[in-house]
């Protein structure tokens, strides 16, 4: 995957659990876990906005582009 979601890093920096983030942004724990474990195929801008608001960060703190190895 070329886009890496660093929700786990920001949760650790903010000392916040998946459960707390889930409650504060209004999505299920399962969906936060999918983001946290880099299994997400997409994210709504509204969800990204809520995550940034709660974690007090910028979208660039959460999303990183890493080119895939082409063989």
PDB file of N, CA and C in Angstrom:
ATOM      1  N   UNK A   1       0.847  -1.185   0.000  1.00  0.00           N
ATOM      2  CA  UNK A   1       0.000   0.000   0.000  1.00  0.00           C
ATOM      3  C   UNK A   1       0.883   1.236   0.000  1.00  0.00           C
ATOM      4  N   UNK A   2       0.577   2.184  -0.833  1.00  0.00           N
ATOM      5  CA  UNK A   2       1.396   3.380  -0.982  1.00  0.00           C
ATOM      6  C   UNK A   2       1.073   4.457   0.046  1.00  0.00           C
ATOM      7  N   UNK A   3      -0.146   4.475   0.561  1.00  0.00           N
ATOM      8  CA  UNK A   3      -0.511   5.458   1.584  1.00  0.00           C
ATOM      9  C   UNK A   3      -0.525   4.755   2.941  1.00  0.00           C
ATOM     10  N   UNK A   4       0.260   5.268   3.861  1.00  0.00           N
ATOM     11  CA  UNK A   4       0.350   4.707   5.208  1.00  0.00           C
ATOM     12  C   UNK A   4      -0.455   5.606   6.147  1.00  0.00           C
ATOM     13  N   UNK A   5      -1.304   4.999   6.962  1.00  0.00           N
ATOM     14  CA  UNK A   5      -2.116   5.738   7.927  1.00  0.00           C
ATOM     15  C   UNK A   5      -1.471   5.568   9.303  1.00  0.00           C
ATOM     16  N   UNK A   6      -1.041   6.667   9.878  1.00  0.00           N
ATOM     17  CA  UNK A   6      -0.324   6.641  11.154  1.00  0.00           C
ATOM     18  C   UNK A   6      -1.207   6.975  12.358  1.00  0.00           C
ATOM     19  N   UNK A   7      -2.425   6.474  12.357  1.00  0.00           N
ATOM     20  CA  UNK A   7      -3.317   6.714  13.501  1.00  0.00           C
ATOM     21  C   UNK A   7      -2.704   6.118  14.763  1.00  0.00           C
ATOM     22  N   UNK A   8      -2.085   4.950  14.650  1.00  0.00           N
ATOM     23  CA  UNK A   8      -1.488   4.310  15.822  1.00  0.00           C
ATOM     24  C   UNK A   8      -0.397   5.174  16.447  1.00  0.00           C
ATOM     25  N   UNK A   9       0.399   5.835  15.620  1.00  0.00           N
ATOM     26  CA  UNK A   9       1.470   6.701  16.111  1.00  0.00           C
ATOM     27  C   UNK A   9       0.879   7.895  16.864  1.00  0.00           C
ATOM     28  N   UNK A  10      -0.140   8.511  16.273  1.00  0.00           N
ATOM     29  CA  UNK A  10      -0.748   9.688  16.917  1.00  0.00           C
ATOM     30  C   UNK A  10      -1.483   9.296  18.193  1.00  0.00           C
ATOM     31  N   UNK A  11      -2.122   8.133  18.212  1.00  0.00           N
ATOM     32  CA  UNK A  11      -2.778   7.665  19.443  1.00  0.00           C
ATOM     33  C   UNK A  11      -1.741   7.496  20.555  1.00  0.00           C
ATOM     34  N   UNK A  12      -0.615   6.923  20.228  1.00  0.00           N
ATOM     35  CA  UNK A  12       0.441   6.738  21.229  1.00  0.00           C
ATOM     36  C   UNK A  12       0.977   8.078  21.719  1.00  0.00           C
ATOM     37  N   UNK A  13       1.196   9.021  20.804  1.00  0.00           N
ATOM     38  CA  UNK A  13       1.690  10.345  21.195  1.00  0.00           C
ATOM     39  C   UNK A  13       0.713  11.067  22.115  1.00  0.00           C
ATOM     40  N   UNK A  14      -0.578  10.859  21.875  1.00  0.00           N
ATOM     41  CA  UNK A  14      -1.605  11.532  22.671  1.00  0.00           C
ATOM     42  C   UNK A  14      -2.059  10.697  23.871  1.00  0.00           C
ATOM     43  N   UNK A  15      -1.458   9.499  24.001  1.00  0.00           N
ATOM     44  CA  UNK A  15      -1.818   8.576  25.088  1.00  0.00           C
ATOM     45  C   UNK A  15      -3.334   8.339  25.119  1.00  0.00           C
ATOM     46  N   UNK A  16      -3.876   8.025  23.944  1.00  0.00           N
ATOM     47  CA  UNK A  16      -5.315   7.825  23.791  1.00  0.00           C
ATOM     48  C   UNK A  16      -5.563   6.415  23.274  1.00  0.00           C
ATOM     49  N   UNK A  17      -6.623   5.792  23.747  1.00  0.00           N
ATOM     50  CA  UNK A  17      -6.967   4.444  23.300  1.00  0.00           C
ATOM     51  C   UNK A  17      -7.844   4.488  22.055  1.00  0.00           C
ATOM     52  N   UNK A  18      -7.914   3.359  21.378  1.00  0.00           N
ATOM     53  CA  UNK A  18      -8.801   3.212  20.227  1.00  0.00           C
ATOM     54  C   UNK A  18     -10.238   3.460  20.664  1.00  0.00           C
ATOM     55  N   UNK A  19     -10.597   2.952  21.825  1.00  0.00           N
ATOM     56  CA  UNK A  19     -11.956   3.114  22.345  1.00  0.00           C
ATOM     57  C   UNK A  19     -12.293   4.584  22.556  1.00  0.00           C
ATOM     58  N   UNK A  20     -11.378   5.324  23.167  1.00  0.00           N
ATOM     59  CA  UNK A  20     -11.632   6.753  23.408  1.00  0.00           C
ATOM     60  C   UNK A  20     -11.762   7.515  22.098  1.00  0.00           C
ATOM     61  N   UNK A  21     -10.868   7.253  21.143  1.00  0.00           N
ATOM     62  CA  UNK A  21     -10.957   7.926  19.850  1.00  0.00           C
ATOM     63  C   UNK A  21     -12.275   7.592  19.171  1.00  0.00           C
ATOM     64  N   UNK A  22     -12.648   6.337  19.198  1.00  0.00           N
ATOM     65  CA  UNK A  22     -13.908   5.892  18.601  1.00  0.00           C
ATOM     66  C   UNK A  22     -15.097   6.663  19.173  1.00  0.00           C
ATOM     67  N   UNK A  23     -15.148   6.762  20.483  1.00  0.00           N
ATOM     68  CA  UNK A  23     -16.252   7.474  21.145  1.00  0.00           C
ATOM     69  C   UNK A  23     -16.252   8.956  20.784  1.00  0.00           C
ATOM     70  N   UNK A  24     -15.076   9.559  20.720  1.00  0.00           N
ATOM     71  CA  UNK A  24     -14.995  10.999  20.485  1.00  0.00           C
ATOM     72  C   UNK A  24     -15.276  11.400  19.048  1.00  0.00           C
ATOM     73  N   UNK A  25     -15.003  10.503  18.088  1.00  0.00           N
ATOM     74  CA  UNK A  25     -15.260  10.858  16.690  1.00  0.00           C
ATOM     75  C   UNK A  25     -16.540  10.237  16.150  1.00  0.00           C
ATOM     76  N   UNK A  26     -17.129   9.315  16.901  1.00  0.00           N
ATOM     77  CA  UNK A  26     -18.420   8.768  16.512  1.00  0.00           C
ATOM     78  C   UNK A  26     -18.375   7.684  15.450  1.00  0.00           C
ATOM     79  N   UNK A  27     -17.297   6.897  15.410  1.00  0.00           N
ATOM     80  CA  UNK A  27     -17.287   5.727  14.539  1.00  0.00           C
ATOM     81  C   UNK A  27     -16.964   4.499  15.389  1.00  0.00           C
ATOM     82  N   UNK A  28     -17.205   3.328  14.843  1.00  0.00           N
ATOM     83  CA  UNK A  28     -17.041   2.107  15.627  1.00  0.00           C
ATOM     84  C   UNK A  28     -15.572   1.834  15.942  1.00  0.00           C
ATOM     85  N   UNK A  29     -15.372   1.082  17.007  1.00  0.00           N
ATOM     86  CA  UNK A  29     -14.025   0.658  17.383  1.00  0.00           C
ATOM     87  C   UNK A  29     -13.409  -0.154  16.243  1.00  0.00           C
ATOM     88  N   UNK A  30     -14.229  -0.985  15.610  1.00  0.00           N
ATOM     89  CA  UNK A  30     -13.735  -1.807  14.495  1.00  0.00           C
ATOM     90  C   UNK A  30     -13.186  -0.930  13.367  1.00  0.00           C
ATOM     91  N   UNK A  31     -13.884   0.146  13.041  1.00  0.00           N
ATOM     92  CA  UNK A  31     -13.421   1.026  11.964  1.00  0.00           C
ATOM     93  C   UNK A  31     -12.161   1.796  12.354  1.00  0.00           C
ATOM     94  N   UNK A  32     -12.050   2.198  13.610  1.00  0.00           N
ATOM     95  CA  UNK A  32     -10.813   2.849  14.068  1.00  0.00           C
ATOM     96  C   UNK A  32      -9.668   1.840  14.001  1.00  0.00           C
ATOM     97  N   UNK A  33      -9.937   0.605  14.379  1.00  0.00           N
ATOM     98  CA  UNK A  33      -8.911  -0.436  14.328  1.00  0.00           C
ATOM     99  C   UNK A  33      -8.444  -0.691  12.898  1.00  0.00           C
ATOM    100  N   UNK A  34      -9.360  -0.658  11.950  1.00  0.00           N
ATOM    101  CA  UNK A  34      -8.993  -0.823  10.536  1.00  0.00           C
ATOM    102  C   UNK A  34      -8.038   0.289  10.113  1.00  0.00           C
ATOM    103  N   UNK A  35      -8.324   1.519  10.524  1.00  0.00           N
ATOM    104  CA  UNK A  35      -7.418   2.636  10.225  1.00  0.00           C
ATOM    105  C   UNK A  35      -6.073   2.445  10.929  1.00  0.00           C
ATOM    106  N   UNK A  36      -6.146   2.089  12.203  1.00  0.00           N
ATOM    107  CA  UNK A  36      -4.948   1.938  13.012  1.00  0.00           C
ATOM    108  C   UNK A  36      -4.029   0.856  12.470  1.00  0.00           C
ATOM    109  N   UNK A  37      -4.597  -0.203  11.942  1.00  0.00           N
ATOM    110  CA  UNK A  37      -3.812  -1.342  11.452  1.00  0.00           C
ATOM    111  C   UNK A  37      -3.498  -1.261   9.958  1.00  0.00           C
ATOM    112  N   UNK A  38      -3.738  -0.097   9.369  1.00  0.00           N
ATOM    113  CA  UNK A  38      -3.430   0.145   7.963  1.00  0.00           C
ATOM    114  C   UNK A  38      -4.168  -0.792   7.011  1.00  0.00           C
ATOM    115  N   UNK A  39      -5.394  -1.148   7.333  1.00  0.00           N
ATOM    116  CA  UNK A  39      -6.199  -2.027   6.484  1.00  0.00           C
ATOM    117  C   UNK A  39      -7.252  -1.257   5.696  1.00  0.00           C
ATOM    118  N   UNK A  40      -7.344   0.056   5.918  1.00  0.00           N
ATOM    119  CA  UNK A  40      -8.377   0.870   5.274  1.00  0.00           C
ATOM    120  C   UNK A  40      -8.086   1.047   3.791  1.00  0.00           C
ATOM    121  N   UNK A  41      -9.129   0.989   2.985  1.00  0.00           N
ATOM    122  CA  UNK A  41      -9.020   1.235   1.546  1.00  0.00           C
ATOM    123  C   UNK A  41      -9.347   2.699   1.227  1.00  0.00           C
ATOM    124  N   UNK A  42     -10.077   3.366   2.139  1.00  0.00           N
ATOM    125  CA  UNK A  42     -10.489   4.755   1.931  1.00  0.00           C
ATOM    126  C   UNK A  42     -10.831   5.370   3.285  1.00  0.00           C
ATOM    127  N   UNK A  43     -10.888   6.701   3.300  1.00  0.00           N
ATOM    128  CA  UNK A  43     -11.326   7.420   4.494  1.00  0.00           C
ATOM    129  C   UNK A  43     -12.087   8.656   4.030  1.00  0.00           C
ATOM    130  N   UNK A  44     -13.210   8.911   4.672  1.00  0.00           N
ATOM    131  CA  UNK A  44     -13.987  10.114   4.351  1.00  0.00           C
ATOM    132  C   UNK A  44     -13.259  11.330   4.898  1.00  0.00           C
ATOM    133  N   UNK A  45     -13.346  12.429   4.164  1.00  0.00           N
ATOM    134  CA  UNK A  45     -12.750  13.669   4.659  1.00  0.00           C
ATOM    135  C   UNK A  45     -13.369  14.085   5.984  1.00  0.00           C
ATOM    136  N   UNK A  46     -14.657  13.835   6.162  1.00  0.00           N
ATOM    137  CA  UNK A  46     -15.310  14.209   7.432  1.00  0.00           C
ATOM    138  C   UNK A  46     -14.727  13.405   8.593  1.00  0.00           C
ATOM    139  N   UNK A  47     -14.408  12.142   8.367  1.00  0.00           N
ATOM    140  CA  UNK A  47     -13.785  11.322   9.407  1.00  0.00           C
ATOM    141  C   UNK A  47     -12.368  11.798   9.668  1.00  0.00           C
ATOM    142  N   UNK A  48     -11.626  12.087   8.615  1.00  0.00           N
ATOM    143  CA  UNK A  48     -10.267  12.594   8.760  1.00  0.00           C
ATOM    144  C   UNK A  48     -10.270  13.907   9.544  1.00  0.00           C
ATOM    145  N   UNK A  49     -11.232  14.760   9.252  1.00  0.00           N
ATOM    146  CA  UNK A  49     -11.347  16.034   9.955  1.00  0.00           C
ATOM    147  C   UNK A  49     -11.593  15.816  11.448  1.00  0.00           C
ATOM    148  N   UNK A  50     -12.500  14.895  11.784  1.00  0.00           N
ATOM    149  CA  UNK A  50     -12.793  14.611  13.195  1.00  0.00           C
ATOM    150  C   UNK A  50     -11.571  14.050  13.909  1.00  0.00           C
ATOM    151  N   UNK A  51     -10.855  13.146  13.245  1.00  0.00           N
ATOM    152  CA  UNK A  51      -9.650  12.566  13.849  1.00  0.00           C
ATOM    153  C   UNK A  51      -8.617  13.657  14.108  1.00  0.00           C
ATOM    154  N   UNK A  52      -8.418  14.528  13.132  1.00  0.00           N
ATOM    155  CA  UNK A  52      -7.459  15.633  13.305  1.00  0.00           C
ATOM    156  C   UNK A  52      -7.873  16.555  14.445  1.00  0.00           C
ATOM    157  N   UNK A  53      -9.168  16.819  14.552  1.00  0.00           N
ATOM    158  CA  UNK A  53      -9.657  17.684  15.624  1.00  0.00           C
ATOM    159  C   UNK A  53      -9.389  17.055  16.989  1.00  0.00           C
ATOM    160  N   UNK A  54      -9.728  15.790  17.143  1.00  0.00           N
ATOM    161  CA  UNK A  54      -9.579  15.109  18.433  1.00  0.00           C
ATOM    162  C   UNK A  54      -8.106  14.903  18.791  1.00  0.00           C
ATOM    163  N   UNK A  55      -7.295  14.527  17.809  1.00  0.00           N
ATOM    164  CA  UNK A  55      -5.878  14.264  18.075  1.00  0.00           C
ATOM    165  C   UNK A  55      -5.018  15.519  17.969  1.00  0.00           C
ATOM    166  N   UNK A  56      -5.649  16.654  17.636  1.00  0.00           N
ATOM    167  CA  UNK A  56      -4.950  17.929  17.513  1.00  0.00           C
ATOM    168  C   UNK A  56      -3.732  17.796  16.600  1.00  0.00           C
ATOM    169  N   UNK A  57      -4.015  17.391  15.357  1.00  0.00           N
ATOM    170  CA  UNK A  57      -2.944  17.202  14.392  1.00  0.00           C
ATOM    171  C   UNK A  57      -3.409  17.618  13.005  1.00  0.00           C
ATOM    172  N   UNK A  58      -2.534  17.533  12.053  1.00  0.00           N
ATOM    173  CA  UNK A  58      -2.820  17.843  10.662  1.00  0.00           C
ATOM    174  C   UNK A  58      -2.963  16.538   9.878  1.00  0.00           C
ATOM    175  N   UNK A  59      -3.688  16.557   8.741  1.00  0.00           N
ATOM    176  CA  UNK A  59      -3.799  15.345   7.927  1.00  0.00           C
ATOM    177  C   UNK A  59      -2.436  14.744   7.566  1.00  0.00           C
ATOM    178  N   UNK A  60      -1.444  15.588   7.348  1.00  0.00           N
ATOM    179  CA  UNK A  60      -0.106  15.113   7.022  1.00  0.00           C
ATOM    180  C   UNK A  60       0.576  14.372   8.163  1.00  0.00           C
ATOM    181  N   UNK A  61       0.088  14.572   9.389  1.00  0.00           N
ATOM    182  CA  UNK A  61       0.607  13.813  10.528  1.00  0.00           C
ATOM    183  C   UNK A  61       0.075  12.381  10.507  1.00  0.00           C
ATOM    184  N   UNK A  62      -1.049  12.186   9.837  1.00  0.00           N
ATOM    185  CA  UNK A  62      -1.716  10.878   9.809  1.00  0.00           C
ATOM    186  C   UNK A  62      -1.450  10.093   8.535  1.00  0.00           C
ATOM    187  N   UNK A  63      -1.271  10.779   7.423  1.00  0.00           N
ATOM    188  CA  UNK A  63      -1.142  10.124   6.126  1.00  0.00           C
ATOM    189  C   UNK A  63       0.242  10.352   5.535  1.00  0.00           C
ATOM    190  N   UNK A  64       0.877   9.275   5.118  1.00  0.00           N
ATOM    191  CA  UNK A  64       2.214   9.348   4.536  1.00  0.00           C
ATOM    192  C   UNK A  64       2.211   8.540   3.234  1.00  0.00           C
ATOM    193  N   UNK A  65       2.802   9.112   2.190  1.00  0.00           N
ATOM    194  CA  UNK A  65       2.941   8.400   0.924  1.00  0.00           C
ATOM    195  C   UNK A  65       4.285   7.707   0.874  1.00  0.00           C
ATOM    196  N   UNK A  66       4.269   6.400   0.634  1.00  0.00           N
ATOM    197  CA  UNK A  66       5.476   5.632   0.418  1.00  0.00           C
ATOM    198  C   UNK A  66       5.313   4.859  -0.875  1.00  0.00           C
ATOM    199  N   UNK A  67       6.140   5.140  -1.862  1.00  0.00           N
ATOM    200  CA  UNK A  67       6.011   4.435  -3.144  1.00  0.00           C
ATOM    201  C   UNK A  67       6.177   2.929  -2.960  1.00  0.00           C
ATOM    202  N   UNK A  68       5.394   2.180  -3.729  1.00  0.00           N
ATOM    203  CA  UNK A  68       5.493   0.731  -3.697  1.00  0.00           C
ATOM    204  C   UNK A  68       6.702   0.310  -4.523  1.00  0.00           C
ATOM    205  N   UNK A  69       7.346  -0.740  -4.110  1.00  0.00           N
ATOM    206  CA  UNK A  69       8.473  -1.272  -4.878  1.00  0.00           C
ATOM    207  C   UNK A  69       7.954  -1.870  -6.175  1.00  0.00           C
ATOM    208  N   UNK A  70       8.551  -1.455  -7.268  1.00  0.00           N
ATOM    209  CA  UNK A  70       8.177  -1.990  -8.572  1.00  0.00           C
ATOM    210  C   UNK A  70       9.312  -2.883  -9.044  1.00  0.00           C
ATOM    211  N   UNK A  71       9.010  -4.131  -9.268  1.00  0.00           N
ATOM    212  CA  UNK A  71      10.058  -5.078  -9.700  1.00  0.00           C
ATOM    213  C   UNK A  71       9.923  -5.412 -11.158  1.00  0.00           C
TER     214      UNK A  71
END
